[in-house]
Amino acid sequence: MKACELVKGGVRVGEELHCRICKLGFDSEILIRHVLMHLYGKHGCLSSARYLFDESLTRDVCSWTTMIDCYAQKELPIKALKLFYLMLRSGVEPNEVTMKAVLSACCIMKNLSFGRLIHGYIEKNELECSLSLLNVLMDMYVKCGCLTTARDIFDRMVKKDVYSWTIMIDGHAKQGELELARQFFNGLPEKNVVSWTAMIAGYSQKKKPEEALELFHQMEETSLRPIESTLVCVLSSCAQLGSLDLGKKIYHYYIDQKRVQPSVKLANAYIGMCAKCGSIDAATQLFGGMSERDLSSWNNMINGYAVHGYAGRALDLFRQMQSSGLRPNDITLVGVLSACVHGGLVIQGREYFENMRGVFGIEPKAEHYTCMIDLLGRVGMLNEAFELIKSMPMEPDEAAWGALLNACKMHGNIDLGKFVSLKLLDLTPDDSGTYALLANMYAAKRRWDDVGIVRSMMRARGVKKTPGLSSIEINGKTHEFLAEDISHPQSKEMYKLLDDILLLLYLEGYVPQPP
Protein backbone atom coordinates (compact mmCIF):
# COMPACT_ATOMS: atom_id res chain seq x y z
CA MET A 1 0.00 0.00 0.00
CA LYS A 2 2.89 2.37 0.69
CA ALA A 3 4.19 1.65 -2.81
CA CYS A 4 0.74 2.38 -4.26
CA GLU A 5 0.94 5.93 -2.86
CA LEU A 6 3.97 6.70 -5.01
CA VAL A 7 2.71 5.34 -8.34
CA LYS A 8 0.34 7.17 -10.67
CA GLY A 9 -2.82 5.10 -10.87
CA GLY A 10 -1.75 3.16 -7.79
CA VAL A 11 -5.12 3.79 -6.19
CA ARG A 12 -6.65 1.01 -8.33
CA VAL A 13 -4.19 -1.52 -6.91
CA GLY A 14 -4.87 -0.05 -3.49
CA GLU A 15 -8.61 -0.62 -3.92
CA GLU A 16 -7.95 -4.27 -4.84
CA LEU A 17 -5.80 -4.64 -1.74
CA HIS A 18 -8.56 -3.02 0.31
CA CYS A 19 -11.01 -5.68 -0.95
CA ARG A 20 -8.57 -8.48 -0.01
CA ILE A 21 -8.08 -6.93 3.44
CA CYS A 22 -11.84 -6.88 4.00
CA LYS A 23 -12.15 -10.53 2.92
CA LEU A 24 -9.35 -11.53 5.29
CA GLY A 25 -11.01 -9.61 8.12
CA PHE A 26 -8.13 -7.20 8.71
CA ASP A 27 -10.16 -4.08 7.93
CA SER A 28 -10.73 -3.30 11.60
CA GLU A 29 -6.98 -3.04 12.25
CA ILE A 30 -6.38 0.63 13.04
CA LEU A 31 -2.90 0.76 11.47
CA ILE A 32 -4.23 -0.66 8.19
CA ARG A 33 -7.04 1.90 8.22
CA HIS A 34 -4.49 4.70 8.64
CA VAL A 35 -2.46 3.48 5.67
CA LEU A 36 -5.58 3.11 3.52
CA MET A 37 -6.80 6.60 4.45
CA HIS A 38 -3.42 8.03 3.54
CA LEU A 39 -3.42 6.16 0.22
CA TYR A 40 -6.88 7.43 -0.72
CA GLY A 41 -6.03 10.95 0.39
CA LYS A 42 -2.80 10.97 -1.62
CA HIS A 43 -4.72 10.11 -4.79
CA GLY A 44 -7.53 12.58 -4.13
CA CYS A 45 -10.16 9.98 -3.19
CA LEU A 46 -11.20 11.99 -0.15
CA SER A 47 -14.71 10.52 0.10
CA SER A 48 -13.19 7.02 0.47
CA ALA A 49 -10.72 8.28 3.07
CA ARG A 50 -13.49 10.04 5.00
CA TYR A 51 -15.68 6.91 4.86
CA LEU A 52 -12.91 4.90 6.54
CA PHE A 53 -12.49 7.64 9.13
CA ASP A 54 -16.22 7.88 9.89
CA GLU A 55 -16.61 4.09 10.11
CA SER A 56 -13.71 3.70 12.55
CA LEU A 57 -14.93 2.49 15.94
CA THR A 58 -11.88 3.96 17.65
CA ARG A 59 -10.11 7.10 16.51
CA ASP A 60 -6.70 7.85 17.93
CA VAL A 61 -4.56 10.93 17.27
CA CYS A 62 -3.14 9.27 14.15
CA SER A 63 -6.64 8.76 12.67
CA TRP A 64 -7.58 12.41 13.15
CA THR A 65 -4.20 13.67 11.94
CA THR A 66 -4.27 11.52 8.80
CA MET A 67 -7.70 12.82 7.78
CA ILE A 68 -6.80 16.45 8.59
CA ASP A 69 -3.63 16.08 6.53
CA CYS A 70 -5.60 14.58 3.61
CA TYR A 71 -7.74 17.72 3.47
CA ALA A 72 -4.75 20.05 3.86
CA GLN A 73 -2.75 18.30 1.12
CA LYS A 74 -5.67 18.61 -1.30
CA GLU A 75 -6.11 22.32 -0.47
CA LEU A 76 -9.36 21.99 1.45
CA PRO A 77 -8.31 24.07 4.47
CA ILE A 78 -11.81 24.77 5.83
CA LYS A 79 -12.56 21.05 6.11
CA ALA A 80 -9.16 20.47 7.72
CA LEU A 81 -9.75 23.16 10.36
CA LYS A 82 -13.32 21.99 11.06
CA LEU A 83 -12.03 18.47 11.65
CA PHE A 84 -9.32 19.81 13.96
CA TYR A 85 -12.03 21.56 15.99
CA LEU A 86 -14.01 18.30 16.23
CA MET A 87 -10.84 16.51 17.29
CA LEU A 88 -10.33 18.90 20.19
CA ARG A 89 -13.99 18.56 21.22
CA SER A 90 -13.67 14.77 21.21
CA GLY A 91 -10.92 15.00 23.81
CA VAL A 92 -8.08 13.69 21.62
CA GLU A 93 -4.94 15.76 22.11
CA PRO A 94 -3.06 16.70 18.93
CA ASN A 95 0.60 15.96 18.45
CA GLU A 96 3.32 17.72 16.46
CA VAL A 97 2.26 16.10 13.17
CA THR A 98 -1.32 17.29 13.72
CA MET A 99 -0.17 20.86 14.28
CA LYS A 100 1.95 20.79 11.11
CA ALA A 101 -1.08 19.66 9.10
CA VAL A 102 -3.28 22.38 10.66
CA LEU A 103 -0.65 25.07 10.03
CA SER A 104 -0.43 23.90 6.41
CA ALA A 105 -4.18 24.51 6.13
CA CYS A 106 -3.67 28.05 7.48
CA CYS A 107 -0.94 28.57 4.86
CA ILE A 108 -3.35 27.62 2.07
CA MET A 109 -6.00 30.02 3.39
CA LYS A 110 -3.40 32.76 4.00
CA ASN A 111 -5.47 33.50 7.11
CA LEU A 112 -3.20 35.15 9.67
CA SER A 113 -5.90 35.20 12.38
CA PHE A 114 -6.34 31.42 12.29
CA GLY A 115 -2.57 31.00 12.16
CA ARG A 116 -2.10 33.10 15.28
CA LEU A 117 -4.80 31.08 17.09
CA ILE A 118 -2.98 27.83 16.26
CA HIS A 119 0.34 29.36 17.36
CA GLY A 120 -1.33 30.44 20.61
CA TYR A 121 -2.70 26.92 21.13
CA ILE A 122 0.79 25.45 20.71
CA GLU A 123 2.27 27.84 23.29
CA LYS A 124 -0.64 27.59 25.75
CA ASN A 125 -0.54 23.78 25.78
CA GLU A 126 3.28 23.77 25.85
CA LEU A 127 3.55 21.41 22.90
CA GLU A 128 7.12 20.48 22.12
CA CYS A 129 8.33 22.56 19.19
CA SER A 130 10.78 20.59 17.09
CA LEU A 131 12.82 22.25 14.36
CA SER A 132 10.38 20.83 11.79
CA LEU A 133 7.34 22.36 13.55
CA LEU A 134 9.07 25.73 13.95
CA ASN A 135 9.84 25.74 10.23
CA VAL A 136 6.17 25.12 9.38
CA LEU A 137 5.10 27.82 11.85
CA MET A 138 7.57 30.26 10.34
CA ASP A 139 6.42 29.34 6.82
CA MET A 140 2.81 30.03 7.82
CA TYR A 141 3.69 33.57 8.93
CA VAL A 142 5.70 34.16 5.75
CA LYS A 143 2.87 32.99 3.49
CA CYS A 144 0.41 35.15 5.43
CA GLY A 145 2.66 38.17 4.82
CA CYS A 146 3.77 38.62 8.44
CA LEU A 147 7.55 38.63 7.99
CA THR A 148 8.16 40.40 11.32
CA THR A 149 6.83 37.47 13.38
CA ALA A 150 8.55 34.98 11.07
CA ARG A 151 11.85 36.81 11.62
CA ASP A 152 11.25 36.80 15.39
CA ILE A 153 10.79 33.01 15.35
CA PHE A 154 13.88 32.63 13.13
CA ASP A 155 16.04 34.75 15.46
CA ARG A 156 14.91 32.80 18.55
CA MET A 157 15.56 29.38 16.99
CA VAL A 158 18.41 27.62 18.79
CA LYS A 159 19.03 25.39 15.80
CA LYS A 160 18.36 26.18 12.15
CA ASP A 161 18.57 24.00 9.06
CA VAL A 162 18.71 24.88 5.37
CA TYR A 163 14.90 24.99 5.20
CA SER A 164 14.74 27.60 7.98
CA TRP A 165 16.98 29.89 5.94
CA THR A 166 15.19 29.10 2.68
CA ILE A 167 11.80 30.06 4.16
CA MET A 168 13.19 33.50 5.03
CA ILE A 169 14.83 33.87 1.60
CA ASP A 170 11.60 32.95 -0.17
CA GLY A 171 9.45 35.17 2.05
CA HIS A 172 11.53 38.32 1.61
CA ALA A 173 11.98 37.68 -2.12
CA LYS A 174 8.23 37.37 -2.70
CA GLN A 175 7.64 40.60 -0.77
CA GLY A 176 10.09 42.33 -3.13
CA GLU A 177 12.73 42.75 -0.41
CA LEU A 178 15.47 41.29 -2.57
CA GLU A 179 18.38 42.83 -0.67
CA LEU A 180 17.21 41.26 2.60
CA ALA A 181 16.56 37.96 0.80
CA ARG A 182 20.10 38.06 -0.59
CA GLN A 183 21.50 38.74 2.89
CA PHE A 184 19.80 35.58 4.18
CA PHE A 185 21.00 33.69 1.11
CA ASN A 186 24.60 34.84 1.58
CA GLY A 187 24.40 33.99 5.30
CA LEU A 188 23.23 30.43 4.67
CA PRO A 189 26.13 28.16 5.72
CA GLU A 190 25.25 25.31 3.38
CA LYS A 191 23.01 25.91 0.39
CA ASN A 192 20.89 23.28 -1.33
CA VAL A 193 19.08 23.44 -4.66
CA VAL A 194 15.88 24.66 -2.98
CA SER A 195 17.61 27.69 -1.44
CA TRP A 196 19.31 28.54 -4.75
CA THR A 197 15.96 28.21 -6.53
CA ALA A 198 14.20 30.46 -3.99
CA MET A 199 16.68 33.28 -4.64
CA ILE A 200 16.66 32.78 -8.42
CA ALA A 201 12.84 32.80 -8.37
CA GLY A 202 12.85 36.03 -6.36
CA TYR A 203 14.94 37.81 -8.97
CA SER A 204 12.94 36.37 -11.86
CA GLN A 205 9.53 37.21 -10.38
CA LYS A 206 10.60 40.79 -9.59
CA LYS A 207 11.76 41.37 -13.18
CA LYS A 208 15.50 41.17 -12.51
CA PRO A 209 16.40 38.52 -15.08
CA GLU A 210 20.11 39.38 -15.32
CA GLU A 211 20.60 38.75 -11.60
CA ALA A 212 18.57 35.52 -11.82
CA LEU A 213 20.72 34.15 -14.65
CA GLU A 214 23.96 35.24 -12.99
CA LEU A 215 22.96 33.35 -9.83
CA PHE A 216 21.95 30.32 -11.89
CA HIS A 217 25.39 30.22 -13.52
CA GLN A 218 26.95 30.42 -10.04
CA MET A 219 24.83 27.44 -8.99
CA GLU A 220 25.99 25.51 -12.06
CA GLU A 221 29.56 25.88 -10.81
CA THR A 222 28.64 23.87 -7.70
CA SER A 223 27.85 20.16 -7.74
CA LEU A 224 24.11 20.84 -7.50
CA ARG A 225 21.74 19.98 -10.34
CA PRO A 226 18.79 22.28 -10.98
CA ILE A 227 15.31 20.97 -10.30
CA GLU A 228 12.21 21.63 -12.39
CA SER A 229 11.36 24.84 -10.50
CA THR A 230 14.87 26.20 -11.07
CA LEU A 231 14.66 25.70 -14.81
CA VAL A 232 11.16 27.21 -14.98
CA CYS A 233 12.50 30.40 -13.33
CA VAL A 234 15.55 30.44 -15.61
CA LEU A 235 13.41 30.10 -18.75
CA SER A 236 11.17 32.91 -17.48
CA SER A 237 14.27 35.11 -17.06
CA CYS A 238 15.41 34.28 -20.60
CA ALA A 239 11.94 35.25 -21.86
CA GLN A 240 12.13 38.60 -20.05
CA LEU A 241 15.48 39.33 -21.69
CA GLY A 242 14.47 37.98 -25.09
CA SER A 243 17.43 35.58 -24.85
CA LEU A 244 16.02 32.84 -27.05
CA ASP A 245 19.33 31.12 -27.85
CA LEU A 246 20.37 30.98 -24.20
CA GLY A 247 16.98 29.60 -23.16
CA LYS A 248 17.09 26.91 -25.85
CA LYS A 249 20.66 26.00 -24.90
CA ILE A 250 19.81 25.63 -21.20
CA TYR A 251 16.61 23.66 -21.85
CA HIS A 252 18.13 21.18 -24.30
CA TYR A 253 21.30 20.75 -22.24
CA TYR A 254 19.39 19.63 -19.16
CA ILE A 255 16.74 17.64 -21.05
CA ASP A 256 19.03 15.93 -23.58
CA GLN A 257 22.32 15.59 -21.70
CA LYS A 258 21.47 15.74 -18.01
CA ARG A 259 18.29 13.66 -18.43
CA VAL A 260 16.02 16.01 -16.51
CA GLN A 261 12.48 14.68 -16.86
CA PRO A 262 10.56 17.06 -19.21
CA SER A 263 7.40 17.60 -17.15
CA VAL A 264 4.33 19.46 -18.42
CA LYS A 265 5.24 22.46 -16.25
CA LEU A 266 8.76 22.64 -17.69
CA ALA A 267 7.50 22.19 -21.25
CA ASN A 268 5.00 25.01 -20.65
CA ALA A 269 7.81 27.30 -19.50
CA TYR A 270 9.79 26.49 -22.65
CA ILE A 271 6.75 27.10 -24.89
CA GLY A 272 6.12 30.41 -23.13
CA MET A 273 9.73 31.50 -23.56
CA CYS A 274 9.83 30.60 -27.26
CA ALA A 275 6.51 32.35 -27.89
CA LYS A 276 7.57 35.53 -26.07
CA CYS A 277 10.87 35.59 -27.95
CA GLY A 278 9.08 35.26 -31.31
CA SER A 279 10.08 31.66 -32.06
CA ILE A 280 6.54 30.50 -32.74
CA ASP A 281 7.67 27.50 -34.82
CA ALA A 282 9.75 26.09 -31.93
CA ALA A 283 6.85 26.61 -29.51
CA THR A 284 4.42 24.95 -31.94
CA GLN A 285 6.76 21.99 -32.45
CA LEU A 286 7.07 21.26 -28.73
CA PHE A 287 3.36 21.81 -28.13
CA GLY A 288 2.48 19.40 -30.94
CA GLY A 289 4.78 16.73 -29.50
CA MET A 290 3.42 16.88 -25.94
CA SER A 291 1.75 13.63 -24.87
CA GLU A 292 0.07 15.43 -21.98
CA ARG A 293 -1.14 19.04 -21.91
CA ASP A 294 -2.77 21.13 -19.23
CA LEU A 295 -4.62 24.43 -19.48
CA SER A 296 -1.36 26.42 -19.22
CA SER A 297 -0.01 24.60 -22.30
CA TRP A 298 -2.97 25.75 -24.39
CA ASN A 299 -2.93 29.25 -22.87
CA ASN A 300 0.75 29.74 -23.68
CA MET A 301 0.25 28.78 -27.31
CA ILE A 302 -2.95 30.81 -27.75
CA ASN A 303 -1.29 33.89 -26.24
CA GLY A 304 1.85 33.31 -28.29
CA TYR A 305 -0.10 33.18 -31.54
CA ALA A 306 -2.17 36.21 -30.52
CA VAL A 307 0.74 38.48 -29.60
CA HIS A 308 2.58 37.73 -32.83
CA GLY A 309 -0.41 38.40 -35.07
CA TYR A 310 -1.51 34.84 -35.85
CA ALA A 311 -5.14 35.55 -34.98
CA GLY A 312 -6.59 32.70 -37.05
CA ARG A 313 -4.25 30.11 -35.56
CA ALA A 314 -4.98 31.37 -32.03
CA LEU A 315 -8.74 31.07 -32.49
CA ASP A 316 -8.43 27.66 -34.20
CA LEU A 317 -6.39 26.44 -31.24
CA PHE A 318 -8.99 27.80 -28.84
CA ARG A 319 -11.66 25.76 -30.61
CA GLN A 320 -9.42 22.66 -30.46
CA MET A 321 -8.94 23.20 -26.74
CA GLN A 322 -12.69 23.32 -26.19
CA SER A 323 -13.13 20.15 -28.27
CA SER A 324 -10.58 18.39 -26.04
CA GLY A 325 -12.90 18.97 -23.07
CA LEU A 326 -10.88 21.66 -21.30
CA ARG A 327 -12.75 24.71 -20.04
CA PRO A 328 -11.06 28.08 -20.59
CA ASN A 329 -10.12 30.37 -17.72
CA ASP A 330 -9.68 34.14 -17.60
CA ILE A 331 -6.12 33.89 -18.99
CA THR A 332 -7.39 31.93 -22.00
CA LEU A 333 -9.93 34.64 -22.79
CA VAL A 334 -7.26 37.35 -22.56
CA GLY A 335 -5.36 35.45 -25.27
CA VAL A 336 -8.49 34.99 -27.39
CA LEU A 337 -9.43 38.68 -27.16
CA SER A 338 -5.81 39.68 -27.88
CA ALA A 339 -5.98 37.59 -31.04
CA CYS A 340 -9.09 39.51 -32.08
CA VAL A 341 -7.27 42.79 -31.34
CA HIS A 342 -4.27 41.93 -33.50
CA GLY A 343 -6.48 40.52 -36.24
CA GLY A 344 -8.95 43.43 -36.18
CA LEU A 345 -11.77 40.93 -35.62
CA VAL A 346 -14.41 43.17 -34.05
CA ILE A 347 -17.43 40.89 -34.52
CA GLN A 348 -15.67 37.81 -33.11
CA GLY A 349 -14.15 39.85 -30.28
CA ARG A 350 -17.55 41.20 -29.27
CA GLU A 351 -19.03 37.71 -29.38
CA TYR A 352 -16.33 36.19 -27.17
CA PHE A 353 -16.52 39.10 -24.72
CA GLU A 354 -20.31 38.94 -24.45
CA ASN A 355 -20.20 35.14 -23.98
CA MET A 356 -17.73 35.25 -21.10
CA ARG A 357 -20.33 35.13 -18.33
CA GLY A 358 -23.10 33.09 -19.95
CA VAL A 359 -21.15 30.53 -21.99
CA PHE A 360 -17.76 30.28 -20.26
CA GLY A 361 -18.80 31.21 -16.70
CA ILE A 362 -16.01 33.78 -16.41
CA GLU A 363 -16.47 37.24 -14.92
CA PRO A 364 -14.67 39.77 -17.15
CA LYS A 365 -11.67 41.39 -15.46
CA ALA A 366 -9.95 44.68 -16.20
CA GLU A 367 -7.66 42.93 -18.71
CA HIS A 368 -10.63 41.73 -20.77
CA TYR A 369 -12.15 45.21 -20.86
CA THR A 370 -8.76 46.62 -21.90
CA CYS A 371 -8.58 44.17 -24.80
CA MET A 372 -12.03 45.23 -25.99
CA ILE A 373 -11.18 48.95 -25.64
CA ASP A 374 -8.01 48.32 -27.64
CA LEU A 375 -9.94 46.36 -30.29
CA LEU A 376 -12.61 49.04 -30.74
CA GLY A 377 -10.07 51.85 -30.61
CA ARG A 378 -7.78 50.38 -33.25
CA VAL A 379 -10.58 50.22 -35.82
CA GLY A 380 -11.63 53.79 -35.07
CA MET A 381 -14.69 53.09 -32.93
CA LEU A 382 -13.52 55.59 -30.31
CA ASN A 383 -16.94 56.59 -29.01
CA GLU A 384 -17.90 52.97 -28.38
CA ALA A 385 -14.54 52.34 -26.72
CA PHE A 386 -15.10 55.39 -24.51
CA GLU A 387 -18.59 54.20 -23.55
CA LEU A 388 -17.17 50.78 -22.68
CA ILE A 389 -14.51 52.25 -20.40
CA LYS A 390 -17.20 54.28 -18.62
CA SER A 391 -19.31 51.14 -18.11
CA MET A 392 -16.53 49.10 -16.47
CA PRO A 393 -17.67 47.65 -13.11
CA MET A 394 -14.20 48.29 -11.70
CA GLU A 395 -12.18 51.50 -11.75
CA PRO A 396 -10.36 51.72 -15.13
CA ASP A 397 -6.61 51.34 -14.70
CA GLU A 398 -3.73 52.85 -16.65
CA ALA A 399 -3.78 49.97 -19.15
CA ALA A 400 -7.41 50.70 -20.12
CA TRP A 401 -6.90 54.46 -20.43
CA GLY A 402 -3.57 53.87 -22.19
CA ALA A 403 -5.24 51.69 -24.84
CA LEU A 404 -7.80 54.42 -25.49
CA LEU A 405 -5.11 57.13 -25.62
CA ASN A 406 -3.13 55.14 -28.19
CA ALA A 407 -6.30 54.84 -30.28
CA CYS A 408 -6.86 58.61 -30.02
CA LYS A 409 -3.31 59.20 -31.28
CA MET A 410 -3.76 56.67 -34.08
CA HIS A 411 -6.95 58.33 -35.32
CA GLY A 412 -6.05 61.93 -34.47
CA ASN A 413 -8.86 62.56 -31.97
CA ILE A 414 -7.21 65.33 -29.95
CA ASP A 415 -10.23 66.35 -27.86
CA LEU A 416 -10.84 62.86 -26.49
CA GLY A 417 -7.10 62.27 -26.29
CA LYS A 418 -6.64 65.30 -24.03
CA PHE A 419 -9.42 64.11 -21.69
CA VAL A 420 -7.93 60.59 -21.55
CA SER A 421 -4.44 62.00 -20.92
CA LEU A 422 -5.70 63.89 -17.86
CA LYS A 423 -7.27 60.67 -16.54
CA LEU A 424 -3.98 58.85 -17.06
CA LEU A 425 -1.97 61.60 -15.38
CA ASP A 426 -4.24 61.32 -12.33
CA LEU A 427 -3.24 57.65 -12.07
CA THR A 428 0.43 57.93 -13.07
CA PRO A 429 1.52 61.59 -12.74
CA ASP A 430 5.21 60.75 -13.24
CA ASP A 431 4.80 58.65 -16.38
CA SER A 432 6.64 60.45 -19.16
CA GLY A 433 4.99 58.20 -21.76
CA THR A 434 1.60 59.89 -21.32
CA TYR A 435 3.10 63.34 -21.86
CA ALA A 436 4.98 62.05 -24.91
CA LEU A 437 1.81 60.59 -26.46
CA LEU A 438 -0.11 63.82 -25.93
CA ALA A 439 2.75 65.89 -27.34
CA ASN A 440 3.00 63.61 -30.37
CA MET A 441 -0.75 63.99 -31.00
CA TYR A 442 -0.37 67.77 -31.04
CA ALA A 443 2.74 67.52 -33.22
CA ALA A 444 0.89 65.39 -35.78
CA LYS A 445 -1.60 68.26 -36.14
CA ARG A 446 1.27 70.81 -36.17
CA ARG A 447 -0.02 72.43 -32.99
CA TRP A 448 3.45 73.39 -31.82
CA ASP A 449 2.24 75.78 -29.12
CA ASP A 450 0.37 72.92 -27.45
CA VAL A 451 3.48 70.73 -27.77
CA GLY A 452 5.39 73.45 -25.92
CA ILE A 453 2.74 73.58 -23.18
CA VAL A 454 3.06 69.81 -22.62
CA ARG A 455 6.87 70.11 -22.43
CA SER A 456 6.51 72.96 -19.93
CA MET A 457 4.15 70.84 -17.80
CA MET A 458 6.77 68.11 -17.71
CA ARG A 459 9.48 70.52 -16.59
CA ALA A 460 7.23 72.15 -13.98
CA ARG A 461 6.33 68.78 -12.48
CA GLY A 462 9.89 67.48 -12.63
CA VAL A 463 8.97 64.65 -15.00
CA LYS A 464 11.91 63.35 -17.00
CA LYS A 465 11.50 61.46 -20.21
CA THR A 466 12.30 57.79 -19.76
CA PRO A 467 15.16 57.00 -22.15
CA GLY A 468 14.43 54.45 -24.85
CA LEU A 469 15.88 50.99 -24.28
CA SER A 470 16.21 48.09 -26.66
CA SER A 471 18.14 44.83 -26.65
CA ILE A 472 19.30 42.18 -29.07
CA GLU A 473 20.75 38.71 -28.52
CA ILE A 474 23.83 37.68 -30.53
CA ASN A 475 25.56 34.33 -29.94
CA GLY A 476 23.82 33.84 -26.60
CA LYS A 477 24.82 37.28 -25.27
CA THR A 478 22.27 40.07 -24.76
CA HIS A 479 23.32 43.59 -25.81
CA GLU A 480 21.32 46.52 -24.42
CA PHE A 481 21.09 49.95 -26.03
CA LEU A 482 20.03 53.01 -24.06
CA ALA A 483 19.34 56.42 -25.60
CA GLU A 484 22.42 58.71 -25.37
CA ASP A 485 24.44 55.94 -23.71
CA ILE A 486 28.15 55.63 -24.57
CA SER A 487 29.08 52.75 -22.24
CA HIS A 488 28.90 50.04 -24.93
CA PRO A 489 32.41 49.11 -26.19
CA GLN A 490 31.29 49.64 -29.80
CA SER A 491 29.39 52.89 -29.17
CA LYS A 492 31.64 54.96 -31.49
CA GLU A 493 30.94 52.70 -34.45
CA MET A 494 27.23 52.69 -33.60
CA TYR A 495 26.91 56.47 -33.50
CA LYS A 496 28.87 56.80 -36.75
CA LEU A 497 26.47 54.35 -38.42
CA LEU A 498 23.48 56.30 -37.04
CA ASP A 499 24.93 59.54 -38.43
CA ASP A 500 25.34 57.90 -41.85
CA ILE A 501 21.70 56.70 -41.76
CA LEU A 502 20.50 60.17 -40.70
CA LEU A 503 22.42 61.74 -43.59
CA LEU A 504 20.73 59.37 -46.03
CA LEU A 505 17.35 60.35 -44.55
CA TYR A 506 18.10 64.06 -45.06
CA LEU A 507 19.11 63.38 -48.67
CA GLU A 508 15.73 61.67 -49.19
CA GLY A 509 13.94 64.80 -47.96
CA TYR A 510 13.35 63.99 -44.28
CA VAL A 511 12.57 67.06 -42.15
CA PRO A 512 12.63 66.55 -38.35
CA GLN A 513 9.77 67.93 -36.25
CA PRO A 514 10.59 70.70 -33.76
CA PRO A 515 11.27 69.40 -30.20
Foldseek 3Di string as FASTA:
>chain_A
DVVLLVDVVSVVVVVVVVVVCVVVVNLLPPVVLLVSLLSCLSNPVLVVSVVSLVPHPDDALSSLQSNLLSCLVVLNLVVSVVSVVVCVVVVHDHALSSLLSNLSSLLSVLDVVVLVVSVVVCVVVVHDQDQVSLLSSLLSCLSNPNNVVSVVSLVPDPDHDQSSLLSNLLSCLVVVNLVVSVVSLVVHPDHALSSLLSNLLSCLVVLNLVVSVVSVVVVVVDPYDHALSSLLSNLSSCLSQLLLVLNVVVVCCCVPPVVHDCDQSSLLSNLLSCLSSPNLVVSVVSLVPDPDHDQSSLLSNLQSCLVVQVLVVSVVSVVVCVVVVDAHAQSSLLSNLSSCQSPLPLVVLVVSLVCCCPPRVYDDDLSSLQSNLLSCLQVPVLVVSVVSQVPDPDNRALSNLVSSLVSCLVVLVLVVNVVSLVVNCVRVVQAVVSLVSNLSSCVVVPVVVVNVVSVVVCVVVVHDHAWDKDWDDDPSDIDMDTPPDDPDPCSVVVVVVVVVVVVVCVVVPDDDGDD
